[in-house]
PDB file of N, CA and C in Angstrom:
ATOM      1  N   ALA A   1     -37.411  31.683 -26.121  1.00  0.00           N
ATOM      2  CA  ALA A   1     -38.605  31.508 -25.340  1.00  0.00           C
ATOM      3  C   ALA A   1     -39.789  30.579 -25.781  1.00  0.00           C
ATOM      4  N   PHE A   2     -39.605  30.472 -27.158  1.00  0.00           N
ATOM      5  CA  PHE A   2     -40.573  29.437 -27.760  1.00  0.00           C
ATOM      6  C   PHE A   2     -40.115  28.208 -27.873  1.00  0.00           C
ATOM      7  N   LEU A   3     -38.960  27.771 -27.558  1.00  0.00           N
ATOM      8  CA  LEU A   3     -38.570  26.380 -27.766  1.00  0.00           C
ATOM      9  C   LEU A   3     -38.686  25.794 -26.160  1.00  0.00           C
ATOM     10  N   ASP A   4     -38.828  24.422 -26.047  1.00  0.00           N
ATOM     11  CA  ASP A   4     -38.743  24.233 -24.422  1.00  0.00           C
ATOM     12  C   ASP A   4     -37.457  24.242 -24.026  1.00  0.00           C
ATOM     13  N   SER A   5     -37.664  24.582 -22.527  1.00  0.00           N
ATOM     14  CA  SER A   5     -36.631  24.651 -21.611  1.00  0.00           C
ATOM     15  C   SER A   5     -36.073  23.302 -21.333  1.00  0.00           C
ATOM     16  N   VAL A   6     -34.675  23.779 -20.860  1.00  0.00           N
ATOM     17  CA  VAL A   6     -34.067  22.438 -20.319  1.00  0.00           C
ATOM     18  C   VAL A   6     -34.018  22.704 -18.646  1.00  0.00           C
ATOM     19  N   PRO A   7     -33.839  21.518 -17.814  1.00  0.00           N
ATOM     20  CA  PRO A   7     -33.758  21.807 -16.460  1.00  0.00           C
ATOM     21  C   PRO A   7     -32.792  22.868 -15.867  1.00  0.00           C
ATOM     22  N   GLU A   8     -31.816  22.873 -16.628  1.00  0.00           N
ATOM     23  CA  GLU A   8     -30.772  23.843 -15.988  1.00  0.00           C
ATOM     24  C   GLU A   8     -30.975  25.357 -16.320  1.00  0.00           C
ATOM     25  N   VAL A   9     -31.929  25.451 -17.541  1.00  0.00           N
ATOM     26  CA  VAL A   9     -32.257  26.742 -17.955  1.00  0.00           C
ATOM     27  C   VAL A   9     -33.625  27.072 -18.100  1.00  0.00           C
ATOM     28  N   PRO A  10     -34.344  27.681 -16.989  1.00  0.00           N
ATOM     29  CA  PRO A  10     -35.836  27.750 -17.051  1.00  0.00           C
ATOM     30  C   PRO A  10     -36.243  28.387 -18.295  1.00  0.00           C
ATOM     31  N   GLY A  11     -37.201  28.316 -18.759  1.00  0.00           N
ATOM     32  CA  GLY A  11     -38.001  29.080 -19.845  1.00  0.00           C
ATOM     33  C   GLY A  11     -38.682  30.091 -19.438  1.00  0.00           C
ATOM     34  N   LEU A  12     -38.706  30.996 -20.461  1.00  0.00           N
ATOM     35  CA  LEU A  12     -39.537  32.483 -20.394  1.00  0.00           C
ATOM     36  C   LEU A  12     -40.945  31.941 -20.085  1.00  0.00           C
ATOM     37  N   LEU A  13     -41.499  31.140 -21.159  1.00  0.00           N
ATOM     38  CA  LEU A  13     -42.822  30.697 -20.965  1.00  0.00           C
ATOM     39  C   LEU A  13     -43.055  29.337 -20.348  1.00  0.00           C
ATOM     40  N   SER A  14     -44.079  29.088 -19.517  1.00  0.00           N
ATOM     41  CA  SER A  14     -44.432  27.861 -19.064  1.00  0.00           C
ATOM     42  C   SER A  14     -44.822  26.870 -20.009  1.00  0.00           C
ATOM     43  N   SER A  15     -44.698  25.546 -19.720  1.00  0.00           N
ATOM     44  CA  SER A  15     -45.281  24.603 -20.508  1.00  0.00           C
ATOM     45  C   SER A  15     -46.520  24.679 -21.146  1.00  0.00           C
ATOM     46  N   PRO A  16     -47.656  24.863 -20.149  1.00  0.00           N
ATOM     47  CA  PRO A  16     -49.123  24.865 -20.691  1.00  0.00           C
ATOM     48  C   PRO A  16     -49.101  26.018 -21.725  1.00  0.00           C
ATOM     49  N   VAL A  17     -48.381  27.076 -21.440  1.00  0.00           N
ATOM     50  CA  VAL A  17     -48.533  28.289 -22.372  1.00  0.00           C
ATOM     51  C   VAL A  17     -47.843  27.983 -23.769  1.00  0.00           C
ATOM     52  N   LEU A  18     -46.749  27.353 -23.655  1.00  0.00           N
ATOM     53  CA  LEU A  18     -46.099  26.817 -24.939  1.00  0.00           C
ATOM     54  C   LEU A  18     -47.057  25.965 -25.519  1.00  0.00           C
ATOM     55  N   GLU A  19     -47.717  25.081 -24.985  1.00  0.00           N
ATOM     56  CA  GLU A  19     -48.423  23.982 -25.663  1.00  0.00           C
ATOM     57  C   GLU A  19     -49.920  24.710 -26.298  1.00  0.00           C
ATOM     58  N   GLN A  20     -50.485  25.835 -25.545  1.00  0.00           N
ATOM     59  CA  GLN A  20     -51.306  26.704 -26.294  1.00  0.00           C
ATOM     60  C   GLN A  20     -50.766  27.418 -27.566  1.00  0.00           C
ATOM     61  N   LEU A  21     -49.740  27.826 -27.379  1.00  0.00           N
ATOM     62  CA  LEU A  21     -49.215  28.605 -28.462  1.00  0.00           C
ATOM     63  C   LEU A  21     -48.981  27.892 -29.637  1.00  0.00           C
ATOM     64  N   ARG A  22     -48.447  26.321 -29.407  1.00  0.00           N
ATOM     65  CA  ARG A  22     -48.409  25.718 -30.602  1.00  0.00           C
ATOM     66  C   ARG A  22     -49.758  24.998 -31.008  1.00  0.00           C
ATOM     67  N   ASP A  23     -50.803  24.777 -30.446  1.00  0.00           N
ATOM     68  CA  ASP A  23     -52.115  24.259 -30.884  1.00  0.00           C
ATOM     69  C   ASP A  23     -52.696  24.821 -31.944  1.00  0.00           C
ATOM     70  N   CYS A  24     -53.209  24.280 -32.648  1.00  0.00           N
ATOM     71  CA  CYS A  24     -54.083  24.944 -33.818  1.00  0.00           C
ATOM     72  C   CYS A  24     -55.562  25.429 -33.200  1.00  0.00           C
ATOM     73  N   HIS A  25     -55.828  26.875 -33.124  1.00  0.00           N
ATOM     74  CA  HIS A  25     -57.053  27.405 -32.740  1.00  0.00           C
ATOM     75  C   HIS A  25     -57.924  28.142 -33.921  1.00  0.00           C
ATOM     76  N   ALA A  26     -57.373  27.789 -35.138  1.00  0.00           N
ATOM     77  CA  ALA A  26     -58.244  28.178 -36.148  1.00  0.00           C
ATOM     78  C   ALA A  26     -57.716  27.927 -37.676  1.00  0.00           C
ATOM     79  N   THR A  27     -58.268  27.928 -38.574  1.00  0.00           N
ATOM     80  CA  THR A  27     -57.885  27.765 -39.846  1.00  0.00           C
ATOM     81  C   THR A  27     -58.345  28.647 -40.800  1.00  0.00           C
ATOM     82  N   GLY A  28     -57.774  28.968 -41.964  1.00  0.00           N
ATOM     83  CA  GLY A  28     -58.027  30.265 -42.702  1.00  0.00           C
ATOM     84  C   GLY A  28     -57.200  30.196 -43.909  1.00  0.00           C
ATOM     85  N   TRP A  29     -57.164  31.382 -44.353  1.00  0.00           N
ATOM     86  CA  TRP A  29     -56.402  31.529 -45.573  1.00  0.00           C
ATOM     87  C   TRP A  29     -55.193  32.597 -45.377  1.00  0.00           C
ATOM     88  N   ASN A  30     -54.086  32.507 -45.860  1.00  0.00           N
ATOM     89  CA  ASN A  30     -52.989  33.386 -45.930  1.00  0.00           C
ATOM     90  C   ASN A  30     -52.272  33.342 -47.206  1.00  0.00           C
ATOM     91  N   MET A  31     -52.182  34.579 -47.836  1.00  0.00           N
ATOM     92  CA  MET A  31     -51.638  34.611 -49.170  1.00  0.00           C
ATOM     93  C   MET A  31     -52.108  33.459 -50.167  1.00  0.00           C
ATOM     94  N   GLY A  32     -53.349  33.402 -50.166  1.00  0.00           N
ATOM     95  CA  GLY A  32     -53.921  32.599 -51.315  1.00  0.00           C
ATOM     96  C   GLY A  32     -53.747  31.043 -50.909  1.00  0.00           C
ATOM     97  N   ARG A  33     -53.490  30.539 -50.001  1.00  0.00           N
ATOM     98  CA  ARG A  33     -53.409  29.035 -49.521  1.00  0.00           C
ATOM     99  C   ARG A  33     -53.949  28.728 -48.131  1.00  0.00           C
ATOM    100  N   PRO A  34     -54.321  27.815 -47.906  1.00  0.00           N
ATOM    101  CA  PRO A  34     -54.871  27.297 -46.681  1.00  0.00           C
ATOM    102  C   PRO A  34     -53.827  27.200 -45.455  1.00  0.00           C
ATOM    103  N   VAL A  35     -54.264  27.822 -44.234  1.00  0.00           N
ATOM    104  CA  VAL A  35     -53.269  27.639 -43.068  1.00  0.00           C
ATOM    105  C   VAL A  35     -54.048  27.329 -42.061  1.00  0.00           C
ATOM    106  N   GLN A  36     -53.308  26.982 -40.835  1.00  0.00           N
ATOM    107  CA  GLN A  36     -53.615  26.735 -39.458  1.00  0.00           C
ATOM    108  C   GLN A  36     -53.136  27.860 -38.768  1.00  0.00           C
ATOM    109  N   TRP A  37     -54.006  28.421 -37.686  1.00  0.00           N
ATOM    110  CA  TRP A  37     -53.456  29.546 -36.988  1.00  0.00           C
ATOM    111  C   TRP A  37     -53.306  29.006 -35.456  1.00  0.00           C
ATOM    112  N   SER A  38     -52.249  29.221 -34.895  1.00  0.00           N
ATOM    113  CA  SER A  38     -52.323  29.436 -33.318  1.00  0.00           C
ATOM    114  C   SER A  38     -52.535  30.736 -33.015  1.00  0.00           C
ATOM    115  N   LEU A  39     -52.094  31.086 -31.829  1.00  0.00           N
ATOM    116  CA  LEU A  39     -52.305  32.323 -31.116  1.00  0.00           C
ATOM    117  C   LEU A  39     -51.653  33.466 -31.866  1.00  0.00           C
ATOM    118  N   GLY A  40     -51.908  33.939 -33.039  1.00  0.00           N
ATOM    119  CA  GLY A  40     -51.361  34.908 -34.038  1.00  0.00           C
ATOM    120  C   GLY A  40     -50.025  34.484 -34.776  1.00  0.00           C
ATOM    121  N   TRP A  41     -49.838  33.054 -34.797  1.00  0.00           N
ATOM    122  CA  TRP A  41     -48.872  32.584 -35.387  1.00  0.00           C
ATOM    123  C   TRP A  41     -49.574  31.542 -36.358  1.00  0.00           C
ATOM    124  N   GLU A  42     -48.790  31.399 -37.542  1.00  0.00           N
ATOM    125  CA  GLU A  42     -49.234  30.343 -38.650  1.00  0.00           C
ATOM    126  C   GLU A  42     -48.313  29.057 -38.060  1.00  0.00           C
ATOM    127  N   ARG A  43     -49.107  27.860 -38.431  1.00  0.00           N
ATOM    128  CA  ARG A  43     -48.350  26.556 -38.008  1.00  0.00           C
ATOM    129  C   ARG A  43     -48.567  25.623 -39.406  1.00  0.00           C
ATOM    130  N   PRO A  44     -47.652  25.166 -39.773  1.00  0.00           N
ATOM    131  CA  PRO A  44     -46.125  25.324 -39.471  1.00  0.00           C
ATOM    132  C   PRO A  44     -45.465  26.046 -40.253  1.00  0.00           C
ATOM    133  N   GLY A  45     -46.103  26.804 -40.880  1.00  0.00           N
ATOM    134  CA  GLY A  45     -45.447  27.720 -41.957  1.00  0.00           C
ATOM    135  C   GLY A  45     -44.841  27.158 -43.158  1.00  0.00           C
ATOM    136  N   PRO A  46     -44.219  27.831 -43.967  1.00  0.00           N
ATOM    137  CA  PRO A  46     -43.737  27.262 -45.137  1.00  0.00           C
ATOM    138  C   PRO A  46     -42.508  26.336 -44.998  1.00  0.00           C
ATOM    139  N   GLY A  47     -42.290  25.567 -46.053  1.00  0.00           N
ATOM    140  CA  GLY A  47     -41.169  24.489 -45.944  1.00  0.00           C
ATOM    141  C   GLY A  47     -41.779  23.249 -45.696  1.00  0.00           C
ATOM    142  N   ASN A  48     -40.907  22.259 -45.721  1.00  0.00           N
ATOM    143  CA  ASN A  48     -41.103  20.624 -45.704  1.00  0.00           C
ATOM    144  C   ASN A  48     -40.363  19.853 -44.436  1.00  0.00           C
ATOM    145  N   PHE A  49     -39.531  20.453 -43.943  1.00  0.00           N
ATOM    146  CA  PHE A  49     -38.700  19.702 -43.026  1.00  0.00           C
ATOM    147  C   PHE A  49     -38.847  19.826 -41.579  1.00  0.00           C
ATOM    148  N   GLN A  50     -40.030  20.998 -41.251  1.00  0.00           N
ATOM    149  CA  GLN A  50     -40.113  21.430 -39.656  1.00  0.00           C
ATOM    150  C   GLN A  50     -41.099  20.418 -39.221  1.00  0.00           C
ATOM    151  N   SER A  51     -41.371  20.440 -37.923  1.00  0.00           N
ATOM    152  CA  SER A  51     -42.402  19.521 -37.330  1.00  0.00           C
ATOM    153  C   SER A  51     -43.764  20.114 -37.306  1.00  0.00           C
ATOM    154  N   PRO A  52     -44.979  19.658 -37.386  1.00  0.00           N
ATOM    155  CA  PRO A  52     -46.238  20.174 -37.597  1.00  0.00           C
ATOM    156  C   PRO A  52     -46.539  21.226 -36.395  1.00  0.00           C
ATOM    157  N   ARG A  53     -45.869  21.191 -35.198  1.00  0.00           N
ATOM    158  CA  ARG A  53     -46.193  21.988 -34.167  1.00  0.00           C
ATOM    159  C   ARG A  53     -45.256  23.309 -34.358  1.00  0.00           C
ATOM    160  N   THR A  54     -44.368  23.365 -35.363  1.00  0.00           N
ATOM    161  CA  THR A  54     -43.799  24.860 -35.513  1.00  0.00           C
ATOM    162  C   THR A  54     -44.482  25.893 -35.616  1.00  0.00           C
ATOM    163  N   ILE A  55     -44.413  27.055 -35.336  1.00  0.00           N
ATOM    164  CA  ILE A  55     -45.054  28.320 -35.421  1.00  0.00           C
ATOM    165  C   ILE A  55     -44.039  29.254 -36.348  1.00  0.00           C
ATOM    166  N   PHE A  56     -44.817  30.166 -37.202  1.00  0.00           N
ATOM    167  CA  PHE A  56     -44.088  31.009 -38.070  1.00  0.00           C
ATOM    168  C   PHE A  56     -45.083  32.187 -37.752  1.00  0.00           C
ATOM    169  N   HIS A  57     -44.189  33.210 -37.958  1.00  0.00           N
ATOM    170  CA  HIS A  57     -44.556  34.639 -38.380  1.00  0.00           C
ATOM    171  C   HIS A  57     -43.674  35.477 -39.121  1.00  0.00           C
ATOM    172  N   HIS A  58     -44.555  36.257 -40.022  1.00  0.00           N
ATOM    173  CA  HIS A  58     -43.609  37.178 -41.020  1.00  0.00           C
ATOM    174  C   HIS A  58     -44.423  38.357 -40.959  1.00  0.00           C
ATOM    175  N   GLY A  59     -43.572  39.236 -40.823  1.00  0.00           N
ATOM    176  CA  GLY A  59     -44.207  40.918 -40.513  1.00  0.00           C
ATOM    177  C   GLY A  59     -43.697  41.568 -41.716  1.00  0.00           C
ATOM    178  N   ALA A  60     -44.540  42.804 -41.696  1.00  0.00           N
ATOM    179  CA  ALA A  60     -44.348  43.555 -42.896  1.00  0.00           C
ATOM    180  C   ALA A  60     -42.831  43.999 -43.023  1.00  0.00           C
ATOM    181  N   SER A  61     -42.296  43.970 -42.088  1.00  0.00           N
ATOM    182  CA  SER A  61     -40.980  44.648 -42.059  1.00  0.00           C
ATOM    183  C   SER A  61     -39.913  43.603 -42.640  1.00  0.00           C
ATOM    184  N   GLY A  62     -40.273  42.764 -42.949  1.00  0.00           N
ATOM    185  CA  GLY A  62     -39.145  41.781 -43.475  1.00  0.00           C
ATOM    186  C   GLY A  62     -38.461  40.716 -42.534  1.00  0.00           C
ATOM    187  N   VAL A  63     -39.111  40.908 -41.249  1.00  0.00           N
ATOM    188  CA  VAL A  63     -38.506  39.764 -40.136  1.00  0.00           C
ATOM    189  C   VAL A  63     -39.504  38.646 -40.080  1.00  0.00           C
ATOM    190  N   VAL A  64     -38.736  37.419 -40.203  1.00  0.00           N
ATOM    191  CA  VAL A  64     -39.568  36.137 -40.177  1.00  0.00           C
ATOM    192  C   VAL A  64     -38.747  35.390 -39.267  1.00  0.00           C
ATOM    193  N   LEU A  65     -39.797  34.631 -38.448  1.00  0.00           N
ATOM    194  CA  LEU A  65     -39.459  33.548 -37.276  1.00  0.00           C
ATOM    195  C   LEU A  65     -40.035  32.351 -37.327  1.00  0.00           C
ATOM    196  N   TRP A  66     -39.393  31.138 -37.281  1.00  0.00           N
ATOM    197  CA  TRP A  66     -39.888  29.997 -37.221  1.00  0.00           C
ATOM    198  C   TRP A  66     -39.381  29.422 -35.776  1.00  0.00           C
ATOM    199  N   ALA A  67     -40.079  28.861 -35.207  1.00  0.00           N
ATOM    200  CA  ALA A  67     -39.659  28.081 -33.753  1.00  0.00           C
ATOM    201  C   ALA A  67     -40.234  26.797 -33.896  1.00  0.00           C
ATOM    202  N   ASP A  68     -39.243  25.725 -33.886  1.00  0.00           N
ATOM    203  CA  ASP A  68     -39.474  24.326 -34.093  1.00  0.00           C
ATOM    204  C   ASP A  68     -39.324  23.678 -32.621  1.00  0.00           C
ATOM    205  N   ALA A  69     -40.148  23.372 -31.893  1.00  0.00           N
ATOM    206  CA  ALA A  69     -39.731  22.988 -30.383  1.00  0.00           C
ATOM    207  C   ALA A  69     -39.361  21.595 -30.689  1.00  0.00           C
ATOM    208  N   ASP A  70     -40.082  20.670 -31.345  1.00  0.00           N
ATOM    209  CA  ASP A  70     -39.735  19.372 -31.506  1.00  0.00           C
ATOM    210  C   ASP A  70     -38.213  18.955 -32.166  1.00  0.00           C
ATOM    211  N   HIS A  71     -37.741  19.761 -32.791  1.00  0.00           N
ATOM    212  CA  HIS A  71     -36.408  19.820 -33.342  1.00  0.00           C
ATOM    213  C   HIS A  71     -35.301  20.630 -32.338  1.00  0.00           C
ATOM    214  N   GLY A  72     -36.050  21.481 -31.760  1.00  0.00           N
ATOM    215  CA  GLY A  72     -35.150  22.408 -31.013  1.00  0.00           C
ATOM    216  C   GLY A  72     -34.581  23.453 -31.673  1.00  0.00           C
ATOM    217  N   ILE A  73     -35.015  23.927 -32.761  1.00  0.00           N
ATOM    218  CA  ILE A  73     -34.396  24.873 -33.767  1.00  0.00           C
ATOM    219  C   ILE A  73     -35.351  25.983 -33.914  1.00  0.00           C
ATOM    220  N   ALA A  74     -34.759  27.460 -34.038  1.00  0.00           N
ATOM    221  CA  ALA A  74     -35.355  28.703 -34.350  1.00  0.00           C
ATOM    222  C   ALA A  74     -34.571  29.069 -35.552  1.00  0.00           C
ATOM    223  N   VAL A  75     -35.213  29.647 -36.079  1.00  0.00           N
ATOM    224  CA  VAL A  75     -34.476  30.479 -37.456  1.00  0.00           C
ATOM    225  C   VAL A  75     -35.390  31.828 -37.752  1.00  0.00           C
ATOM    226  N   ALA A  76     -34.361  32.854 -37.629  1.00  0.00           N
ATOM    227  CA  ALA A  76     -34.959  34.115 -37.814  1.00  0.00           C
ATOM    228  C   ALA A  76     -34.352  34.514 -39.062  1.00  0.00           C
ATOM    229  N   LEU A  77     -35.149  35.196 -40.070  1.00  0.00           N
ATOM    230  CA  LEU A  77     -34.923  35.748 -41.307  1.00  0.00           C
ATOM    231  C   LEU A  77     -34.783  37.149 -41.386  1.00  0.00           C
ATOM    232  N   LEU A  78     -33.801  38.012 -41.490  1.00  0.00           N
ATOM    233  CA  LEU A  78     -33.931  39.282 -41.536  1.00  0.00           C
ATOM    234  C   LEU A  78     -33.629  39.952 -43.024  1.00  0.00           C
ATOM    235  N   THR A  79     -34.866  40.691 -43.637  1.00  0.00           N
ATOM    236  CA  THR A  79     -34.510  41.228 -44.706  1.00  0.00           C
ATOM    237  C   THR A  79     -34.780  42.638 -45.156  1.00  0.00           C
ATOM    238  N   ALA A  80     -34.448  43.303 -45.801  1.00  0.00           N
ATOM    239  CA  ALA A  80     -34.873  44.527 -46.557  1.00  0.00           C
ATOM    240  C   ALA A  80     -36.040  44.761 -47.121  1.00  0.00           C
ATOM    241  N   ASP A  81     -36.646  43.622 -47.456  1.00  0.00           N
ATOM    242  CA  ASP A  81     -37.825  43.413 -48.157  1.00  0.00           C
ATOM    243  C   ASP A  81     -38.955  43.535 -47.369  1.00  0.00           C
ATOM    244  N   TRP A  82     -39.980  44.235 -47.686  1.00  0.00           N
ATOM    245  CA  TRP A  82     -41.333  44.211 -46.736  1.00  0.00           C
ATOM    246  C   TRP A  82     -42.158  43.029 -46.989  1.00  0.00           C
ATOM    247  N   TRP A  83     -42.189  42.298 -48.189  1.00  0.00           N
ATOM    248  CA  TRP A  83     -42.867  41.096 -48.266  1.00  0.00           C
ATOM    249  C   TRP A  83     -41.905  40.335 -49.438  1.00  0.00           C
ATOM    250  N   LEU A  84     -41.790  38.991 -49.233  1.00  0.00           N
ATOM    251  CA  LEU A  84     -40.880  38.182 -50.058  1.00  0.00           C
ATOM    252  C   LEU A  84     -41.875  37.138 -50.601  1.00  0.00           C
ATOM    253  N   PRO A  85     -42.025  36.554 -51.545  1.00  0.00           N
ATOM    254  CA  PRO A  85     -42.854  35.428 -51.971  1.00  0.00           C
ATOM    255  C   PRO A  85     -42.570  34.193 -50.853  1.00  0.00           C
ATOM    256  N   TYR A  86     -43.715  33.742 -50.709  1.00  0.00           N
ATOM    257  CA  TYR A  86     -44.020  32.494 -49.590  1.00  0.00           C
ATOM    258  C   TYR A  86     -42.971  31.683 -50.123  1.00  0.00           C
ATOM    259  N   GLN A  87     -42.716  30.987 -51.269  1.00  0.00           N
ATOM    260  CA  GLN A  87     -41.806  30.224 -51.864  1.00  0.00           C
ATOM    261  C   GLN A  87     -40.269  30.520 -51.428  1.00  0.00           C
ATOM    262  N   ARG A  88     -39.907  31.611 -50.939  1.00  0.00           N
ATOM    263  CA  ARG A  88     -38.699  32.003 -50.813  1.00  0.00           C
ATOM    264  C   ARG A  88     -38.351  31.957 -49.290  1.00  0.00           C
ATOM    265  N   TYR A  89     -39.571  32.149 -48.581  1.00  0.00           N
ATOM    266  CA  TYR A  89     -39.566  31.732 -47.151  1.00  0.00           C
ATOM    267  C   TYR A  89     -39.181  30.092 -46.987  1.00  0.00           C
ATOM    268  N   ALA A  90     -39.895  29.309 -47.704  1.00  0.00           N
ATOM    269  CA  ALA A  90     -39.622  27.761 -47.607  1.00  0.00           C
ATOM    270  C   ALA A  90     -38.307  27.554 -48.220  1.00  0.00           C
ATOM    271  N   GLU A  91     -37.801  28.084 -49.138  1.00  0.00           N
ATOM    272  CA  GLU A  91     -36.349  27.690 -49.615  1.00  0.00           C
ATOM    273  C   GLU A  91     -35.453  28.037 -48.195  1.00  0.00           C
ATOM    274  N   VAL A  92     -35.866  29.143 -47.476  1.00  0.00           N
ATOM    275  CA  VAL A  92     -34.667  29.448 -46.591  1.00  0.00           C
ATOM    276  C   VAL A  92     -34.919  28.455 -45.412  1.00  0.00           C
ATOM    277  N   VAL A  93     -36.131  28.237 -45.048  1.00  0.00           N
ATOM    278  CA  VAL A  93     -36.476  27.244 -43.956  1.00  0.00           C
ATOM    279  C   VAL A  93     -35.744  25.703 -44.279  1.00  0.00           C
ATOM    280  N   ASN A  94     -36.118  25.526 -45.554  1.00  0.00           N
ATOM    281  CA  ASN A  94     -35.795  23.951 -46.021  1.00  0.00           C
ATOM    282  C   ASN A  94     -34.400  23.918 -46.079  1.00  0.00           C
ATOM    283  N   SER A  95     -33.575  25.191 -46.267  1.00  0.00           N
ATOM    284  CA  SER A  95     -31.905  25.034 -46.335  1.00  0.00           C
ATOM    285  C   SER A  95     -31.594  24.930 -44.947  1.00  0.00           C
ATOM    286  N   VAL A  96     -31.934  25.752 -43.885  1.00  0.00           N
ATOM    287  CA  VAL A  96     -31.371  25.609 -42.707  1.00  0.00           C
ATOM    288  C   VAL A  96     -31.932  24.205 -42.012  1.00  0.00           C
ATOM    289  N   MET A  97     -33.021  23.868 -42.039  1.00  0.00           N
ATOM    290  CA  MET A  97     -33.438  22.703 -41.367  1.00  0.00           C
ATOM    291  C   MET A  97     -32.658  21.331 -42.286  1.00  0.00           C
ATOM    292  N   GLY A  98     -32.418  21.607 -43.336  1.00  0.00           N
ATOM    293  CA  GLY A  98     -31.639  20.384 -44.065  1.00  0.00           C
ATOM    294  C   GLY A  98     -30.305  20.472 -43.506  1.00  0.00           C
ATOM    295  N   ALA A  99     -29.717  21.599 -43.325  1.00  0.00           N
ATOM    296  CA  ALA A  99     -28.258  21.566 -43.034  1.00  0.00           C
ATOM    297  C   ALA A  99     -28.109  21.086 -41.449  1.00  0.00           C
ATOM    298  N   VAL A 100     -29.137  21.439 -40.528  1.00  0.00           N
ATOM    299  CA  VAL A 100     -28.957  21.496 -39.294  1.00  0.00           C
ATOM    300  C   VAL A 100     -29.316  19.765 -38.918  1.00  0.00           C
ATOM    301  N   ARG A 101     -30.258  19.238 -39.777  1.00  0.00           N
ATOM    302  CA  ARG A 101     -30.669  17.960 -39.335  1.00  0.00           C
ATOM    303  C   ARG A 101     -30.048  16.836 -39.796  1.00  0.00           C
ATOM    304  N   ASN A 102     -28.829  17.086 -40.919  1.00  0.00           N
ATOM    305  CA  ASN A 102     -28.119  16.076 -41.313  1.00  0.00           C
ATOM    306  C   ASN A 102     -26.635  16.224 -40.516  1.00  0.00           C
TER     307      ASN A 102
END
């Protein structure tokens, strides 16, 4: 739902809604570092290989999601830990993005 739809498969969310979701609406701090916020999502989240319009959300239950529409990739991480160090999230998404993009 967070990636752009293709003509053969209509998306759950319209293009204008997706653009609002990916745009920066606020700046602030999260886990001691400066961040940009979309509509409840951090952008672009941890890592170095995703596009600037990537949206990222981590929940207290250990579920993490990145959606990078520019590369057409979504990454979900399910863990048994309530909170992982932010660097661990970066390592996971960098590994996935590096493997998929090469």
